[in-house]
Structure formats: structure tokens, C-alpha cells
Amino acid sequence: MVGPYRGLFERPGTKAFVLAGLIGRMPMSMLGIGVILLITALTDNYATAGAVGAASNLAFAAAAPLSGRLADTFGQSRVIPPFAAVNALALAALMISAGSGLPEWTLYASGLVIGATSLSLGSMVRARWTVIYGGTDRLHTAFAFESVADEVVFVTGPALVTVLATTVNPYAGLIVALVCMLGGSLALAAQRRTQPPVQVVRSSGGTPILIPGVLLLAGVSLALGAIFGSVDLITVAFAQEQGVKWASGFLLASFAGGSMVSGLWFGSRNWRISLRARFVRALALFVVGLLPILFISAPGIMAAALFLAGFAISPTLITCFSLTERLVPQSLLTEGMAWISTAITLGVALGSWAGGQLTETYGASDAYVFSIAAAALAVIVGIGGSGLLRLPAAPSPSET
């Protein structure tokens, strides 16, 4: 299984931008829970903490395509540093506002700026892989590796920020997130040799979201985000209902761990079926994998079930980003991938809200129906619109 990954880093500069991107995107799994832990520790106000987190997520969803377009237009090395600097200042302002007891609106203002200046580094790293391996089977392996890297971030980030915030002080987790973001982002910006070339001539008014296939993928990604957001929240409530709230992190790590394992396997395969077929089958697997969690009440069995359900995550996201890469013009590549990230983020916000409402009304176990319904919707949309995902001139037999 490791074989196909061995030659992935032979090209000069690949190791550097992969490491920088991995460190720089650690905050994407640390900020949400870090903000909640900080605000609740200082004010004991969960409503405010959740609202600030939601505002930040919505600001990111709105601004990510714009930052992606700026990176395509001016180059990552010119766009990343100012965004990273403002993001660091906004995060510092949020910590100061919370600690100094400043008016509540300052928390919201800081959260909005944090979200608006958070870069989709995963999209930028995938754009670099596309420049290096575009049109070859190795791009599939590279995207698989990036999906695994995302899962590593989501397995380690929440645990790290929780330990720091609860055992050191409430600010420690966010301070580490700030350092990771700033250091990783600036290190990625310094890797000029591997950044996508700046597109000098651009069509006016063009945007990848107007491409029918990309719009379809964004719709499916919205449903996928709803799965992620609802499963995260409902699972924490499930653990609390079972009297093992301390195990909620372990349960969520199982979900991400299943995705990490499947991503390694999926990327090591030399596939003979089309990207479109892989995408639809992975979506269907998601529905099947989630069904058992409706009928489980034992935390240990739930961990195993979530691990198995997570198997569908990486294959779905890998093929989604691969299809986007093939459908979007090179001059709009980073923006195109940012639209997918935006749709997932919006879905996470929707899933968290819906999961919370249903959990309060019906209990955690029954609330999982929403997650399964979102997965079913993703399958219906994906299969129904699969004709829009027909790819032009395939570069190799395994990608047609």
C-alpha cells in the first residue's frame, strides 16, 4: 500500500510545501473548539461561543473563493503573507477581547475577520500538486495523500487544543494554532518554485462555480459538510448521554481514522474505472456505512461503527477534488477548489445547527437520521447529475 507514495516526493520542493501546508492548516481543526473552550472558560457562555464560531465559519465560506482567485491572479507568494498577518492579528484581538471583558461585539468582529482571512491552504497545496503531476496517474496519489493529511489534522488538532486549553491555560491552544498558521503559511509562501504560475490574461467575470459540473460537486460537498457537522455534534451528545463524555474525542477520532486508512488504500490503487464512477460509488458507500450508527447504544461498538463509516470520506473527497481539477481551467484552479472547501464549510455549519436542534428534540441516536438523510441527498444529487461530470480528453486510461 505504501509503494505508490514512495516516488511522490522525488520532485524538488515537494517535501517543503507539503510540510508547510500540513503545519499551516492545523488551525482548521483547532480554531473552532479552541474558541469555544476559551470563551466558555472565561464567560461560561456557550451561546456566545457557538455564535462566534459560526460567524467565523460563514465568513470563511464567503471569502475563500475570493482569496483563491487572488492567489490565481497574483500568485500564492504575494497573497498568503498579508492574509496570514491579518489573520494572526485578528486571532490575537479575539483572545485579548475575551480576556479583557470587552463588549461582546468585539468577539464577533474578531471572529468575522478570522474567518475572512483564513486561507484554504489545502486548495493551494493541491494546486501545486496539479502543476507538478497534472495529467498523470500520480495526481490521484497526491490528492489521496492530501486527504490523509487532512484527516491527520482532524485527528490530532482537537485533542491537542483541548489538552492545552484544559491543562495549561485557556489561551494555550489558540496560541499554538496561531503559531502553526503563521509559520506554516509563511513557509508555504516562501516556496515560490512550486507555486502555480500566475495567469496574466484572464477572462472577465468568469468563475468556476458557473461550470455545471463544479456547481454539482459543490452541491454534493454541501451535503457532505452537513454529514461532518452533524456527526461531530451528535456524537459528542451521544457520548454524554451514555455517561462517557470524556470519550467523545476518541469517537470522533475513530471517524477520521477510518477515513485516513481508506485514503492510504485508495491512493495506492491503480484504478480502471472512471473518476465519475468512483465518485458515485464512494457516495453510495457513505449511506451504507452510516446506517448502523442508528441502532448502536454501546460507546465501544459505536467507535467501531464510526471507524467503518469513515472509510467513505477520503475516497469521496479525493475524487471530488480530482474531478474539480479536470473540470476547471488552469487559470481558475485554486478558486475552483476553494469553492469545494466553501461548500463543505457551509454544510458543516448547517449540519451542526440541524444536529443540535434534532438532538435537543429527539436525542442523539435519533438525530443521526439527519446525517444519513444528508448522505442520501448527496447520492441522489451525485447520481442524478453525473452526466455533468463527463470529462473531456482524458490524459490516461485510468482517469477516463
Protein backbone atom coordinates (compact mmCIF):
# COMPACT_ATOMS: atom_id res chain seq x y z
CA MET A 1 0.00 0.00 0.00
CA VAL A 2 2.91 2.39 0.67
CA GLY A 3 4.63 1.67 -2.65
CA PRO A 4 2.89 4.30 -4.85
CA TYR A 5 3.67 7.03 -2.30
CA ARG A 6 7.42 6.44 -2.30
CA GLY A 7 8.12 8.30 -5.54
CA LEU A 8 5.65 11.08 -4.85
CA PHE A 9 8.26 13.35 -3.27
CA GLU A 10 11.02 12.92 -5.86
CA ARG A 11 10.35 16.28 -7.48
CA PRO A 12 12.31 19.18 -5.96
CA GLY A 13 10.38 21.24 -3.42
CA THR A 14 7.53 18.77 -2.82
CA LYS A 15 8.56 17.86 0.72
CA ALA A 16 8.89 21.52 1.67
CA PHE A 17 5.46 22.64 0.50
CA VAL A 18 3.74 19.54 1.87
CA LEU A 19 5.21 20.07 5.35
CA ALA A 20 4.44 23.79 5.30
CA GLY A 21 0.89 23.14 4.16
CA LEU A 22 0.35 20.49 6.82
CA ILE A 23 1.51 22.78 9.64
CA GLY A 24 -0.31 25.80 8.23
CA ARG A 25 -3.70 24.06 8.10
CA MET A 26 -3.57 22.66 11.63
CA PRO A 27 -5.76 25.56 12.85
CA MET A 28 -8.68 24.40 10.69
CA SER A 29 -9.33 21.68 13.29
CA MET A 30 -8.18 23.71 16.30
CA LEU A 31 -9.84 27.12 16.00
CA GLY A 32 -13.46 26.09 16.44
CA ILE A 33 -13.02 24.09 19.61
CA GLY A 34 -10.26 26.43 20.83
CA VAL A 35 -12.58 29.46 20.62
CA ILE A 36 -15.35 27.56 22.42
CA LEU A 37 -13.02 26.44 25.19
CA LEU A 38 -11.61 29.95 25.66
CA ILE A 39 -14.90 31.84 25.70
CA THR A 40 -16.70 29.32 27.91
CA ALA A 41 -13.78 29.20 30.34
CA LEU A 42 -13.81 32.99 30.70
CA THR A 43 -17.55 33.74 30.43
CA ASP A 44 -19.34 30.38 30.84
CA ASN A 45 -21.47 31.43 27.85
CA TYR A 46 -21.89 28.57 25.36
CA ALA A 47 -24.33 30.52 23.20
CA THR A 48 -21.83 33.28 22.56
CA ALA A 49 -19.03 30.80 21.96
CA GLY A 50 -21.06 28.90 19.38
CA ALA A 51 -22.25 32.07 17.66
CA VAL A 52 -18.72 33.45 17.35
CA GLY A 53 -17.58 30.14 15.84
CA ALA A 54 -20.49 30.15 13.39
CA ALA A 55 -19.77 33.73 12.33
CA SER A 56 -16.15 32.81 11.64
CA ASN A 57 -17.16 29.77 9.56
CA LEU A 58 -19.62 31.78 7.49
CA ALA A 59 -17.03 34.49 6.86
CA PHE A 60 -14.56 31.86 5.68
CA ALA A 61 -17.15 30.32 3.35
CA ALA A 62 -17.87 33.72 1.81
CA ALA A 63 -14.24 34.81 1.43
CA ALA A 64 -12.43 31.57 0.44
CA PRO A 65 -13.29 31.76 -3.29
CA LEU A 66 -12.08 35.37 -3.38
CA SER A 67 -8.74 34.53 -1.75
CA GLY A 68 -8.43 31.60 -4.16
CA ARG A 69 -8.96 33.90 -7.12
CA LEU A 70 -6.41 36.37 -5.77
CA ALA A 71 -3.89 33.52 -5.47
CA ASP A 72 -4.57 32.50 -9.09
CA THR A 73 -4.21 36.11 -10.26
CA PHE A 74 -1.23 37.37 -8.28
CA GLY A 75 0.47 34.19 -7.08
CA GLN A 76 0.41 32.46 -3.69
CA SER A 77 3.65 34.08 -2.55
CA ARG A 78 2.08 37.55 -2.77
CA VAL A 79 -1.35 36.73 -1.37
CA ILE A 80 -0.54 34.45 1.59
CA PRO A 81 1.63 36.79 3.76
CA PRO A 82 -0.87 39.69 4.14
CA PHE A 83 -3.78 37.32 4.76
CA ALA A 84 -1.76 35.39 7.34
CA ALA A 85 -0.64 38.56 9.11
CA VAL A 86 -4.18 39.97 9.40
CA ASN A 87 -5.47 36.56 10.49
CA ALA A 88 -2.89 36.40 13.29
CA LEU A 89 -3.78 39.91 14.45
CA ALA A 90 -7.49 39.07 14.44
CA LEU A 91 -6.94 35.92 16.48
CA ALA A 92 -4.82 37.88 18.96
CA ALA A 93 -7.58 40.51 19.13
CA LEU A 94 -10.17 37.84 19.91
CA MET A 95 -8.07 36.46 22.77
CA ILE A 96 -7.48 39.97 24.16
CA SER A 97 -11.18 40.86 23.85
CA ALA A 98 -12.26 37.71 25.66
CA GLY A 99 -9.66 38.07 28.39
CA SER A 100 -10.25 41.79 28.96
CA GLY A 101 -14.01 41.58 29.18
CA LEU A 102 -14.53 43.92 26.23
CA PRO A 103 -18.03 44.26 24.73
CA GLU A 104 -19.43 41.13 23.11
CA TRP A 105 -19.44 42.70 19.64
CA THR A 106 -15.63 42.72 19.67
CA LEU A 107 -15.68 38.92 19.78
CA TYR A 108 -17.95 38.77 16.75
CA ALA A 109 -15.88 41.35 14.87
CA SER A 110 -12.67 39.43 15.55
CA GLY A 111 -14.34 36.15 14.58
CA LEU A 112 -15.53 37.57 11.27
CA VAL A 113 -12.05 38.83 10.39
CA ILE A 114 -10.51 35.49 11.39
CA GLY A 115 -12.87 33.66 9.06
CA ALA A 116 -12.49 36.12 6.19
CA THR A 117 -8.68 35.92 6.28
CA SER A 118 -8.36 32.16 6.83
CA LEU A 119 -6.80 30.75 3.67
CA SER A 120 -7.75 27.43 2.12
CA LEU A 121 -4.20 26.10 2.28
CA GLY A 122 -5.37 22.62 1.32
CA SER A 123 -6.60 24.00 -2.01
CA MET A 124 -3.32 25.83 -2.54
CA VAL A 125 -1.28 22.69 -1.86
CA ARG A 126 -3.48 20.65 -4.21
CA ALA A 127 -2.98 23.32 -6.88
CA ARG A 128 0.79 22.84 -6.53
CA TRP A 129 0.44 19.07 -6.93
CA THR A 130 -1.60 19.71 -10.08
CA VAL A 131 1.21 21.79 -11.58
CA ILE A 132 3.70 19.00 -10.87
CA TYR A 133 1.66 15.89 -11.73
CA GLY A 134 -1.28 17.21 -13.76
CA GLY A 135 -2.31 14.78 -16.50
CA THR A 136 -0.68 11.77 -14.82
CA ASP A 137 -1.87 8.98 -12.54
CA ARG A 138 0.36 10.35 -9.78
CA LEU A 139 -2.01 13.26 -9.28
CA HIS A 140 -4.58 10.76 -7.94
CA THR A 141 -1.99 9.52 -5.44
CA ALA A 142 -1.05 13.09 -4.48
CA PHE A 143 -4.67 14.02 -3.82
CA ALA A 144 -5.06 10.84 -1.77
CA PHE A 145 -2.06 11.85 0.32
CA GLU A 146 -3.58 15.30 0.90
CA SER A 147 -6.85 13.72 2.03
CA VAL A 148 -4.90 11.63 4.53
CA ALA A 149 -3.06 14.76 5.67
CA ASP A 150 -6.42 16.45 6.28
CA GLU A 151 -7.52 13.54 8.44
CA VAL A 152 -4.25 13.65 10.40
CA VAL A 153 -5.05 17.29 11.15
CA PHE A 154 -8.58 16.43 12.29
CA VAL A 155 -7.40 13.52 14.44
CA THR A 156 -4.63 15.43 16.22
CA GLY A 157 -5.82 19.05 16.25
CA PRO A 158 -8.88 18.85 18.52
CA ALA A 159 -7.07 16.62 21.02
CA LEU A 160 -4.06 18.96 21.09
CA VAL A 161 -6.04 22.15 21.60
CA THR A 162 -8.23 20.52 24.27
CA VAL A 163 -5.25 19.27 26.27
CA LEU A 164 -3.50 22.65 26.06
CA ALA A 165 -6.61 24.65 26.97
CA THR A 166 -7.58 22.44 29.92
CA THR A 167 -4.16 21.63 31.39
CA VAL A 168 -2.03 24.71 30.60
CA ASN A 169 -4.42 27.69 30.29
CA PRO A 170 -7.44 28.63 28.13
CA TYR A 171 -5.27 30.64 25.73
CA ALA A 172 -2.61 27.97 25.08
CA GLY A 173 -4.47 26.05 22.38
CA LEU A 174 -5.24 29.16 20.34
CA ILE A 175 -1.70 30.46 20.72
CA VAL A 176 -0.34 27.20 19.27
CA ALA A 177 -2.92 27.42 16.46
CA LEU A 178 -1.77 30.98 15.71
CA VAL A 179 1.89 29.96 15.59
CA CYS A 180 1.12 26.98 13.32
CA MET A 181 -0.96 29.12 10.97
CA LEU A 182 1.56 31.93 10.69
CA GLY A 183 4.66 29.73 10.47
CA GLY A 184 3.18 27.23 8.03
CA SER A 185 1.58 29.88 5.82
CA LEU A 186 4.73 31.98 5.52
CA ALA A 187 6.80 28.86 4.86
CA LEU A 188 4.41 27.87 2.06
CA ALA A 189 4.56 31.37 0.57
CA ALA A 190 8.35 31.13 0.53
CA GLN A 191 8.18 28.07 -1.76
CA ARG A 192 7.99 30.11 -4.97
CA ARG A 193 9.49 27.40 -7.17
CA THR A 194 6.49 25.10 -6.83
CA GLN A 195 3.62 27.61 -6.79
CA PRO A 196 1.21 27.59 -9.76
CA PRO A 197 2.18 30.09 -12.45
CA VAL A 198 0.44 33.46 -12.33
CA GLN A 199 -2.21 33.77 -15.03
CA VAL A 200 -1.67 37.18 -16.62
CA VAL A 201 -4.58 37.06 -19.05
CA ARG A 202 -7.95 36.17 -17.52
CA SER A 203 -11.49 36.13 -18.83
CA SER A 204 -13.61 38.86 -17.29
CA GLY A 205 -16.35 37.78 -14.94
CA GLY A 206 -15.58 34.08 -15.16
CA THR A 207 -15.93 31.95 -12.06
CA PRO A 208 -15.64 28.17 -11.67
CA ILE A 209 -18.94 27.89 -9.80
CA LEU A 210 -20.75 28.68 -13.08
CA ILE A 211 -19.37 25.49 -14.62
CA PRO A 212 -22.27 22.99 -14.32
CA GLY A 213 -20.07 20.11 -13.14
CA VAL A 214 -18.41 22.25 -10.47
CA LEU A 215 -21.81 23.52 -9.30
CA LEU A 216 -22.93 19.90 -8.96
CA LEU A 217 -19.81 18.98 -6.98
CA ALA A 218 -20.35 22.00 -4.73
CA GLY A 219 -23.91 20.84 -4.06
CA VAL A 220 -22.73 17.37 -3.14
CA SER A 221 -19.97 18.89 -0.98
CA LEU A 222 -22.58 20.95 0.86
CA ALA A 223 -24.37 17.71 1.78
CA LEU A 224 -21.06 16.10 2.78
CA GLY A 225 -20.30 19.03 5.06
CA ALA A 226 -23.73 18.60 6.66
CA ILE A 227 -22.77 14.99 7.42
CA PHE A 228 -19.49 16.04 9.02
CA GLY A 229 -21.00 18.86 11.08
CA SER A 230 -23.95 16.81 12.32
CA VAL A 231 -21.95 13.67 13.14
CA ASP A 232 -19.42 15.72 15.14
CA LEU A 233 -22.05 17.43 17.27
CA ILE A 234 -24.39 14.47 17.66
CA THR A 235 -21.54 12.15 18.61
CA VAL A 236 -20.48 14.44 21.46
CA ALA A 237 -24.09 14.42 22.68
CA PHE A 238 -24.23 10.63 22.28
CA ALA A 239 -21.16 10.22 24.48
CA GLN A 240 -22.69 12.50 27.11
CA GLU A 241 -25.96 10.55 27.07
CA GLN A 242 -24.01 7.35 27.65
CA GLY A 243 -22.12 8.90 30.57
CA VAL A 244 -18.75 8.90 28.77
CA LYS A 245 -18.40 12.47 27.55
CA TRP A 246 -14.63 12.09 28.00
CA ALA A 247 -14.71 9.54 25.15
CA SER A 248 -16.26 11.90 22.59
CA GLY A 249 -12.85 12.84 21.22
CA PHE A 250 -11.98 9.18 20.81
CA LEU A 251 -15.24 8.53 18.93
CA LEU A 252 -14.62 11.42 16.54
CA ALA A 253 -11.01 10.31 16.07
CA SER A 254 -12.36 6.89 15.03
CA PHE A 255 -14.46 8.54 12.33
CA ALA A 256 -11.44 10.45 10.99
CA GLY A 257 -9.19 7.41 11.47
CA GLY A 258 -11.35 5.29 9.16
CA SER A 259 -11.02 7.98 6.51
CA MET A 260 -7.25 8.11 6.97
CA VAL A 261 -6.86 4.36 6.45
CA SER A 262 -9.14 4.29 3.40
CA GLY A 263 -7.33 7.29 1.92
CA LEU A 264 -3.99 5.49 2.05
CA TRP A 265 -5.52 2.42 0.42
CA PHE A 266 -7.50 4.36 -2.17
CA GLY A 267 -4.49 6.35 -3.29
CA SER A 268 -2.34 3.24 -3.68
CA ARG A 269 -4.71 1.62 -6.19
CA ASN A 270 -4.32 1.85 -9.96
CA TRP A 271 -7.99 2.33 -10.83
CA ARG A 272 -9.51 1.19 -14.11
CA ILE A 273 -12.96 2.67 -13.57
CA SER A 274 -13.66 6.32 -14.27
CA LEU A 275 -13.41 9.14 -11.77
CA ARG A 276 -17.16 9.66 -12.11
CA ALA A 277 -17.87 6.01 -11.25
CA ARG A 278 -15.51 6.15 -8.26
CA PHE A 279 -17.21 9.30 -7.00
CA VAL A 280 -20.74 7.89 -7.19
CA ARG A 281 -19.75 4.57 -5.60
CA ALA A 282 -17.99 6.34 -2.72
CA LEU A 283 -21.15 8.39 -2.08
CA ALA A 284 -23.27 5.25 -2.01
CA LEU A 285 -20.82 3.64 0.40
CA PHE A 286 -21.29 6.62 2.73
CA VAL A 287 -25.01 5.92 3.09
CA VAL A 288 -24.45 2.22 3.73
CA GLY A 289 -21.65 2.90 6.22
CA LEU A 290 -23.69 5.37 8.26
CA LEU A 291 -26.81 3.24 8.65
CA PRO A 292 -25.56 1.07 11.58
CA ILE A 293 -24.98 4.06 13.89
CA LEU A 294 -28.77 4.46 14.21
CA PHE A 295 -29.01 1.20 16.13
CA ILE A 296 -25.98 1.36 18.44
CA SER A 297 -26.03 2.35 22.11
CA ALA A 298 -22.68 0.99 23.35
CA PRO A 299 -19.80 3.51 23.02
CA GLY A 300 -17.23 0.82 22.15
CA ILE A 301 -19.34 -0.55 19.32
CA MET A 302 -20.11 3.00 18.18
CA ALA A 303 -16.37 3.69 17.87
CA ALA A 304 -16.01 0.68 15.57
CA ALA A 305 -19.08 1.70 13.55
CA LEU A 306 -17.82 5.25 13.10
CA PHE A 307 -14.43 3.91 12.03
CA LEU A 308 -16.09 1.85 9.31
CA ALA A 309 -18.39 4.71 8.30
CA GLY A 310 -15.33 6.95 7.91
CA PHE A 311 -13.99 4.67 5.15
CA ALA A 312 -16.07 6.56 2.58
CA ILE A 313 -14.80 10.05 3.45
CA SER A 314 -11.39 10.11 1.78
CA PRO A 315 -12.42 8.32 -1.45
CA THR A 316 -15.30 10.78 -1.84
CA LEU A 317 -13.17 13.87 -1.25
CA ILE A 318 -10.27 12.60 -3.36
CA THR A 319 -12.48 12.03 -6.38
CA CYS A 320 -14.34 15.29 -5.77
CA PHE A 321 -11.15 17.35 -5.89
CA SER A 322 -9.83 15.29 -8.83
CA LEU A 323 -13.00 15.97 -10.82
CA THR A 324 -12.76 19.66 -9.96
CA GLU A 325 -9.16 19.74 -11.20
CA ARG A 326 -10.24 18.23 -14.51
CA LEU A 327 -13.31 20.47 -14.97
CA VAL A 328 -11.78 23.84 -14.05
CA PRO A 329 -9.46 25.86 -16.34
CA GLN A 330 -5.89 26.09 -15.09
CA SER A 331 -6.26 29.85 -14.62
CA LEU A 332 -9.07 29.29 -12.07
CA LEU A 333 -7.75 26.18 -10.37
CA THR A 334 -7.22 27.45 -6.81
CA GLU A 335 -10.53 29.30 -6.84
CA GLY A 336 -12.31 26.20 -8.15
CA MET A 337 -11.01 24.06 -5.31
CA ALA A 338 -11.79 26.83 -2.83
CA TRP A 339 -15.45 26.65 -3.90
CA ILE A 340 -15.50 22.99 -2.86
CA SER A 341 -13.98 23.88 0.51
CA THR A 342 -16.53 26.69 0.87
CA ALA A 343 -19.44 24.33 0.20
CA ILE A 344 -18.14 21.86 2.78
CA THR A 345 -17.75 24.64 5.36
CA LEU A 346 -21.31 25.87 4.77
CA GLY A 347 -22.52 22.29 5.08
CA VAL A 348 -20.68 21.86 8.38
CA ALA A 349 -22.40 24.98 9.76
CA LEU A 350 -25.80 23.72 8.57
CA GLY A 351 -25.16 20.22 9.93
CA SER A 352 -24.05 21.50 13.32
CA TRP A 353 -27.17 23.65 13.64
CA ALA A 354 -29.57 20.93 12.47
CA GLY A 355 -27.83 18.26 14.53
CA GLY A 356 -28.10 20.41 17.64
CA GLN A 357 -31.78 21.14 17.11
CA LEU A 358 -32.64 17.47 16.48
CA THR A 359 -30.54 16.26 19.40
CA GLU A 360 -32.35 18.62 21.78
CA THR A 361 -35.72 17.44 20.49
CA TYR A 362 -35.28 13.71 19.85
CA GLY A 363 -32.00 12.67 21.48
CA ALA A 364 -28.64 11.84 19.95
CA SER A 365 -29.34 8.41 18.49
CA ASP A 366 -32.43 9.54 16.59
CA ALA A 367 -30.69 12.73 15.45
CA TYR A 368 -28.29 10.62 13.37
CA VAL A 369 -31.20 10.29 10.90
CA PHE A 370 -30.22 13.76 9.65
CA SER A 371 -26.67 12.60 8.86
CA ILE A 372 -28.00 9.63 6.89
CA ALA A 373 -30.53 11.83 5.09
CA ALA A 374 -27.72 14.20 4.07
CA ALA A 375 -25.72 11.24 2.74
CA ALA A 376 -28.76 10.03 0.78
CA LEU A 377 -29.22 13.53 -0.66
CA ALA A 378 -25.58 13.57 -1.73
CA VAL A 379 -26.09 10.26 -3.56
CA ILE A 380 -29.26 11.44 -5.28
CA VAL A 381 -27.65 14.69 -6.45
CA GLY A 382 -24.42 12.94 -7.45
CA ILE A 383 -26.11 10.19 -9.46
CA GLY A 384 -28.79 12.45 -10.90
CA GLY A 385 -26.25 14.95 -12.19
CA SER A 386 -23.44 12.54 -13.03
CA GLY A 387 -23.80 13.39 -16.70
CA LEU A 388 -22.36 16.81 -15.89
CA LEU A 389 -19.18 15.11 -14.68
CA ARG A 390 -18.24 13.63 -18.05
CA LEU A 391 -14.65 14.63 -18.59
CA PRO A 392 -13.08 15.88 -21.80
CA ALA A 393 -9.98 14.28 -23.26
CA ALA A 394 -8.70 12.00 -20.51
CA PRO A 395 -4.94 12.02 -20.00
CA SER A 396 -4.64 8.30 -19.23
CA PRO A 397 -6.76 5.16 -19.36
CA SER A 398 -7.16 5.05 -15.59
CA GLU A 399 -8.61 8.56 -15.44
CA THR A 400 -11.21 8.34 -18.22
